N, C-alpha and C. Protein backbone atom coordinates (compact mmCIF):
# COMPACT_ATOMS: atom_id res chain seq x y z
N MET A 1 -105.73 -94.75 20.96
CA MET A 1 -105.62 -93.87 19.38
C MET A 1 -104.24 -93.30 20.28
N ALA A 2 -103.18 -92.48 19.36
CA ALA A 2 -101.90 -91.91 20.19
C ALA A 2 -102.42 -90.69 20.25
N ARG A 3 -101.58 -90.22 21.07
CA ARG A 3 -101.78 -88.85 21.85
C ARG A 3 -101.24 -87.63 21.11
N LEU A 4 -101.63 -87.00 20.84
CA LEU A 4 -101.30 -85.69 19.64
C LEU A 4 -99.58 -84.95 20.83
N LEU A 5 -98.86 -84.79 20.14
CA LEU A 5 -97.46 -84.00 20.82
C LEU A 5 -97.56 -82.46 21.26
N ASN A 6 -97.40 -82.16 21.85
CA ASN A 6 -97.80 -80.56 22.09
C ASN A 6 -96.51 -79.73 21.29
N ALA A 7 -96.74 -78.47 21.37
CA ALA A 7 -95.42 -77.91 20.74
C ALA A 7 -94.30 -78.11 20.85
N ASP A 8 -93.82 -77.68 22.47
CA ASP A 8 -92.97 -77.83 23.56
C ASP A 8 -92.28 -79.59 22.98
N GLU A 9 -93.34 -80.65 23.55
CA GLU A 9 -92.66 -81.89 22.77
C GLU A 9 -91.79 -81.92 21.71
N ILE A 10 -92.65 -81.47 21.25
CA ILE A 10 -92.24 -81.67 19.51
C ILE A 10 -90.96 -81.01 18.92
N MET A 11 -90.91 -79.71 19.49
CA MET A 11 -89.21 -78.92 19.64
C MET A 11 -88.52 -79.74 20.30
N ARG A 12 -88.40 -79.93 21.31
CA ARG A 12 -87.64 -81.15 22.12
C ARG A 12 -87.07 -82.26 21.54
N GLN A 13 -87.83 -83.18 21.14
CA GLN A 13 -87.35 -83.68 20.56
C GLN A 13 -86.65 -83.69 19.13
N LEU A 14 -87.06 -83.00 18.26
CA LEU A 14 -86.38 -82.72 16.96
C LEU A 14 -85.01 -82.05 16.93
N SER A 15 -85.38 -81.14 18.34
CA SER A 15 -83.38 -80.59 18.43
C SER A 15 -82.63 -81.66 18.58
N GLU A 16 -82.83 -82.94 18.86
CA GLU A 16 -82.23 -84.26 18.83
C GLU A 16 -82.17 -84.69 17.51
N LEU A 17 -82.42 -84.30 16.54
CA LEU A 17 -82.71 -85.02 15.47
C LEU A 17 -82.71 -83.88 13.93
N ASP A 18 -81.28 -83.79 13.76
CA ASP A 18 -80.90 -83.06 13.00
C ASP A 18 -80.86 -83.20 11.73
N ASP A 19 -81.64 -84.27 11.31
CA ASP A 19 -82.24 -84.37 10.08
C ASP A 19 -83.42 -83.99 9.42
N TRP A 20 -84.43 -83.95 10.60
CA TRP A 20 -85.59 -83.61 10.48
C TRP A 20 -86.17 -82.05 11.24
N SER A 21 -87.19 -81.40 10.56
CA SER A 21 -87.88 -80.10 10.72
C SER A 21 -89.25 -80.57 10.78
N ARG A 22 -90.06 -79.45 11.44
CA ARG A 22 -91.48 -79.94 11.54
C ARG A 22 -91.86 -78.26 10.43
N ILE A 23 -92.68 -78.94 9.65
CA ILE A 23 -93.40 -78.40 8.69
C ILE A 23 -95.26 -78.19 9.13
N GLY A 24 -95.71 -77.66 9.71
CA GLY A 24 -97.35 -77.84 9.93
C GLY A 24 -97.27 -78.97 10.64
N ASP A 25 -98.22 -80.01 10.22
CA ASP A 25 -98.77 -80.71 10.87
C ASP A 25 -97.93 -82.31 10.31
N GLU A 26 -96.40 -81.93 10.24
CA GLU A 26 -95.54 -83.23 9.68
C GLU A 26 -94.40 -82.51 10.21
N ILE A 27 -93.28 -84.10 10.02
CA ILE A 27 -92.09 -83.41 10.32
C ILE A 27 -91.17 -84.41 8.87
N VAL A 28 -90.27 -83.46 8.57
CA VAL A 28 -89.72 -83.93 7.26
C VAL A 28 -88.48 -84.14 7.38
N ALA A 29 -87.46 -84.91 6.21
CA ALA A 29 -86.40 -84.71 6.28
C ALA A 29 -86.11 -85.14 4.67
N GLU A 30 -84.64 -84.43 4.33
CA GLU A 30 -84.43 -84.91 3.19
C GLU A 30 -82.88 -85.67 3.37
N PHE A 31 -82.56 -86.94 2.77
CA PHE A 31 -81.25 -87.60 2.43
C PHE A 31 -80.85 -87.86 1.54
N ALA A 32 -79.19 -87.36 1.16
CA ALA A 32 -78.84 -87.16 -0.69
C ALA A 32 -77.97 -88.61 -0.42
N PHE A 33 -77.46 -88.93 -1.15
CA PHE A 33 -76.71 -90.25 -1.71
C PHE A 33 -76.39 -90.38 -2.78
N ASP A 34 -75.02 -90.86 -2.79
CA ASP A 34 -73.95 -91.02 -4.07
C ASP A 34 -74.86 -91.31 -5.19
N ASP A 35 -75.80 -91.99 -5.42
CA ASP A 35 -76.85 -92.16 -6.60
C ASP A 35 -77.92 -92.80 -6.50
N PHE A 36 -78.67 -93.34 -7.47
CA PHE A 36 -80.25 -93.61 -7.70
C PHE A 36 -80.02 -94.94 -6.68
N ALA A 37 -79.04 -96.29 -6.86
CA ALA A 37 -78.72 -96.98 -6.42
C ALA A 37 -78.75 -97.20 -4.72
N GLU A 38 -78.06 -95.90 -4.20
CA GLU A 38 -77.91 -95.91 -2.87
C GLU A 38 -79.59 -95.37 -2.40
N ALA A 39 -80.08 -94.40 -2.69
CA ALA A 39 -81.24 -94.16 -2.76
C ALA A 39 -82.33 -94.79 -2.08
N LEU A 40 -82.30 -95.38 -3.68
CA LEU A 40 -83.79 -96.43 -3.57
C LEU A 40 -83.29 -98.01 -2.19
N ALA A 41 -81.99 -98.15 -2.07
CA ALA A 41 -81.82 -98.96 -0.81
C ALA A 41 -81.96 -98.44 0.50
N PHE A 42 -81.54 -97.42 0.36
CA PHE A 42 -82.27 -96.85 1.68
C PHE A 42 -83.48 -96.48 1.79
N VAL A 43 -84.39 -96.44 0.52
CA VAL A 43 -86.14 -96.42 0.73
C VAL A 43 -86.57 -97.72 1.27
N ASN A 44 -86.00 -98.84 0.68
CA ASN A 44 -86.33 -100.40 1.32
C ASN A 44 -86.08 -100.38 2.31
N ARG A 45 -84.63 -100.41 2.82
CA ARG A 45 -84.62 -100.32 4.50
C ARG A 45 -85.46 -99.21 5.52
N VAL A 46 -85.51 -98.26 4.67
CA VAL A 46 -87.11 -97.18 5.46
C VAL A 46 -88.41 -98.28 5.16
N GLY A 47 -88.99 -98.73 3.83
CA GLY A 47 -89.96 -99.65 4.08
C GLY A 47 -89.86 -100.92 4.87
N ASP A 48 -88.73 -101.32 5.09
CA ASP A 48 -88.89 -102.22 6.21
C ASP A 48 -89.32 -101.73 8.00
N LEU A 49 -88.43 -100.88 7.90
CA LEU A 49 -88.77 -100.06 9.52
C LEU A 49 -90.65 -99.60 9.59
N ALA A 50 -90.54 -99.14 8.20
CA ALA A 50 -92.19 -98.56 8.34
C ALA A 50 -93.06 -99.67 8.60
N GLU A 51 -93.00 -101.17 7.90
CA GLU A 51 -93.80 -101.89 8.30
C GLU A 51 -93.84 -102.38 9.54
N GLN A 52 -92.84 -102.76 9.91
CA GLN A 52 -92.61 -103.14 11.58
C GLN A 52 -93.02 -102.20 12.71
N ALA A 53 -93.21 -100.96 12.26
CA ALA A 53 -94.08 -99.81 13.07
C ALA A 53 -95.31 -99.91 12.30
N GLN A 54 -95.76 -100.37 11.75
CA GLN A 54 -97.54 -100.28 11.09
C GLN A 54 -97.58 -98.92 11.04
N HIS A 55 -96.32 -97.98 10.56
CA HIS A 55 -96.51 -96.42 10.40
C HIS A 55 -95.60 -96.17 9.17
N HIS A 56 -96.39 -95.20 8.37
CA HIS A 56 -95.93 -95.17 6.92
C HIS A 56 -95.56 -94.13 5.81
N PRO A 57 -94.18 -93.29 5.99
CA PRO A 57 -94.10 -92.02 5.69
C PRO A 57 -94.52 -92.24 3.88
N ASP A 58 -94.16 -90.49 4.23
CA ASP A 58 -94.85 -90.40 2.82
C ASP A 58 -92.82 -90.24 2.26
N ILE A 59 -92.73 -90.84 0.88
CA ILE A 59 -91.55 -90.90 0.17
C ILE A 59 -91.77 -90.34 -1.39
N ASP A 60 -90.79 -89.00 -1.35
CA ASP A 60 -90.58 -88.83 -2.47
C ASP A 60 -89.15 -89.31 -2.80
N ILE A 61 -88.65 -89.46 -3.89
CA ILE A 61 -87.23 -90.26 -4.75
C ILE A 61 -87.19 -89.56 -5.44
N ARG A 62 -86.18 -88.59 -5.72
CA ARG A 62 -85.49 -87.81 -7.07
C ARG A 62 -84.13 -88.33 -7.32
N TRP A 63 -83.52 -89.07 -8.10
CA TRP A 63 -82.53 -90.03 -8.33
C TRP A 63 -81.56 -89.98 -7.33
N ASN A 64 -80.79 -88.92 -6.47
CA ASN A 64 -80.10 -89.23 -5.67
C ASN A 64 -80.54 -89.21 -3.90
N LYS A 65 -81.86 -88.24 -4.36
CA LYS A 65 -82.48 -87.84 -2.60
C LYS A 65 -83.77 -87.61 -2.47
N VAL A 66 -84.00 -88.53 -1.20
CA VAL A 66 -84.91 -89.09 -0.52
C VAL A 66 -85.74 -87.74 0.59
N ARG A 67 -86.38 -87.89 0.05
CA ARG A 67 -87.75 -86.43 1.10
C ARG A 67 -88.79 -87.70 1.67
N LEU A 68 -88.86 -87.34 3.13
CA LEU A 68 -89.44 -88.17 3.84
C LEU A 68 -90.52 -87.56 4.60
N ALA A 69 -91.72 -87.80 4.89
CA ALA A 69 -92.28 -86.62 5.35
C ALA A 69 -93.50 -87.49 6.57
N LEU A 70 -93.31 -87.49 7.69
CA LEU A 70 -93.90 -87.86 8.93
C LEU A 70 -94.86 -87.14 9.26
N THR A 71 -96.17 -87.94 9.68
CA THR A 71 -97.21 -87.67 10.31
C THR A 71 -98.09 -88.62 10.77
N SER A 72 -98.78 -88.42 11.63
CA SER A 72 -99.90 -89.69 12.28
C SER A 72 -101.42 -89.02 11.78
N HIS A 73 -101.80 -89.26 10.61
CA HIS A 73 -102.73 -89.10 9.67
C HIS A 73 -104.33 -89.32 10.55
N ASP A 74 -104.33 -90.55 11.47
CA ASP A 74 -105.15 -90.71 11.97
C ASP A 74 -105.85 -89.98 12.93
N VAL A 75 -104.52 -89.43 13.69
CA VAL A 75 -104.80 -88.56 14.80
C VAL A 75 -104.83 -86.93 14.29
N GLY A 76 -104.87 -86.55 13.33
CA GLY A 76 -104.41 -85.09 12.68
C GLY A 76 -103.29 -84.62 13.29
N GLY A 77 -102.21 -85.07 13.29
CA GLY A 77 -100.98 -84.23 13.42
C GLY A 77 -99.52 -85.47 14.06
N LEU A 78 -98.75 -84.95 15.05
CA LEU A 78 -97.72 -85.57 15.29
C LEU A 78 -97.37 -85.98 16.46
N THR A 79 -97.12 -87.77 16.68
CA THR A 79 -97.66 -88.04 17.81
C THR A 79 -96.15 -88.69 18.01
N GLN A 80 -96.03 -89.36 19.29
CA GLN A 80 -94.46 -90.76 19.55
C GLN A 80 -94.31 -90.91 18.57
N THR A 81 -95.33 -91.69 18.09
CA THR A 81 -94.96 -92.93 16.60
C THR A 81 -93.82 -92.16 15.86
N ASP A 82 -94.38 -91.27 15.61
CA ASP A 82 -93.86 -90.64 14.04
C ASP A 82 -92.54 -90.14 14.95
N ILE A 83 -92.12 -89.46 16.16
CA ILE A 83 -90.76 -88.90 16.25
C ILE A 83 -90.06 -90.35 16.30
N GLU A 84 -90.37 -91.67 16.98
CA GLU A 84 -89.58 -92.66 17.54
C GLU A 84 -89.50 -93.39 15.83
N LEU A 85 -90.20 -93.37 14.91
CA LEU A 85 -89.63 -94.08 13.54
C LEU A 85 -88.41 -93.09 12.82
N ALA A 86 -88.77 -91.27 13.15
CA ALA A 86 -87.79 -90.49 12.61
C ALA A 86 -86.46 -90.87 13.25
N ILE A 87 -86.54 -91.35 14.43
CA ILE A 87 -84.96 -91.32 15.39
C ILE A 87 -84.23 -93.01 14.55
N GLN A 88 -85.26 -93.79 14.01
CA GLN A 88 -85.28 -95.35 13.47
C GLN A 88 -84.58 -94.88 12.11
N ILE A 89 -85.20 -94.31 11.38
CA ILE A 89 -84.50 -93.94 9.99
C ILE A 89 -83.02 -92.85 10.02
N SER A 90 -83.21 -92.26 11.20
CA SER A 90 -82.20 -91.10 11.09
C SER A 90 -81.08 -92.40 10.94
N ALA A 91 -80.81 -93.24 11.85
CA ALA A 91 -79.75 -93.93 11.97
C ALA A 91 -79.63 -95.08 10.91
N GLU A 92 -80.62 -95.11 9.70
CA GLU A 92 -80.49 -96.31 8.63
C GLU A 92 -79.58 -95.18 7.65
N SER A 93 -79.47 -93.73 7.53
CA SER A 93 -79.39 -92.91 6.93
C SER A 93 -77.61 -92.88 6.62
């Protein structure tokens, strides 16, 4: 089972991720694209990363905007797995 990150660990790592912010037990980011097709292509890339990591974000797509939320439901909060997937997702945006 993954270890929950403490508040200092989360804040330190999020300071290096401009797209992401903490809301409760999740980290969230919103990405904007030129149109729905680009947003959908991004969601598909995120899906590939999530499958590789076996860790799946909550995804909300609305025309050209994609909102992602990450948390480790099995341990009830944020783990290093969430941060690592957020880093990979940001590199795809």
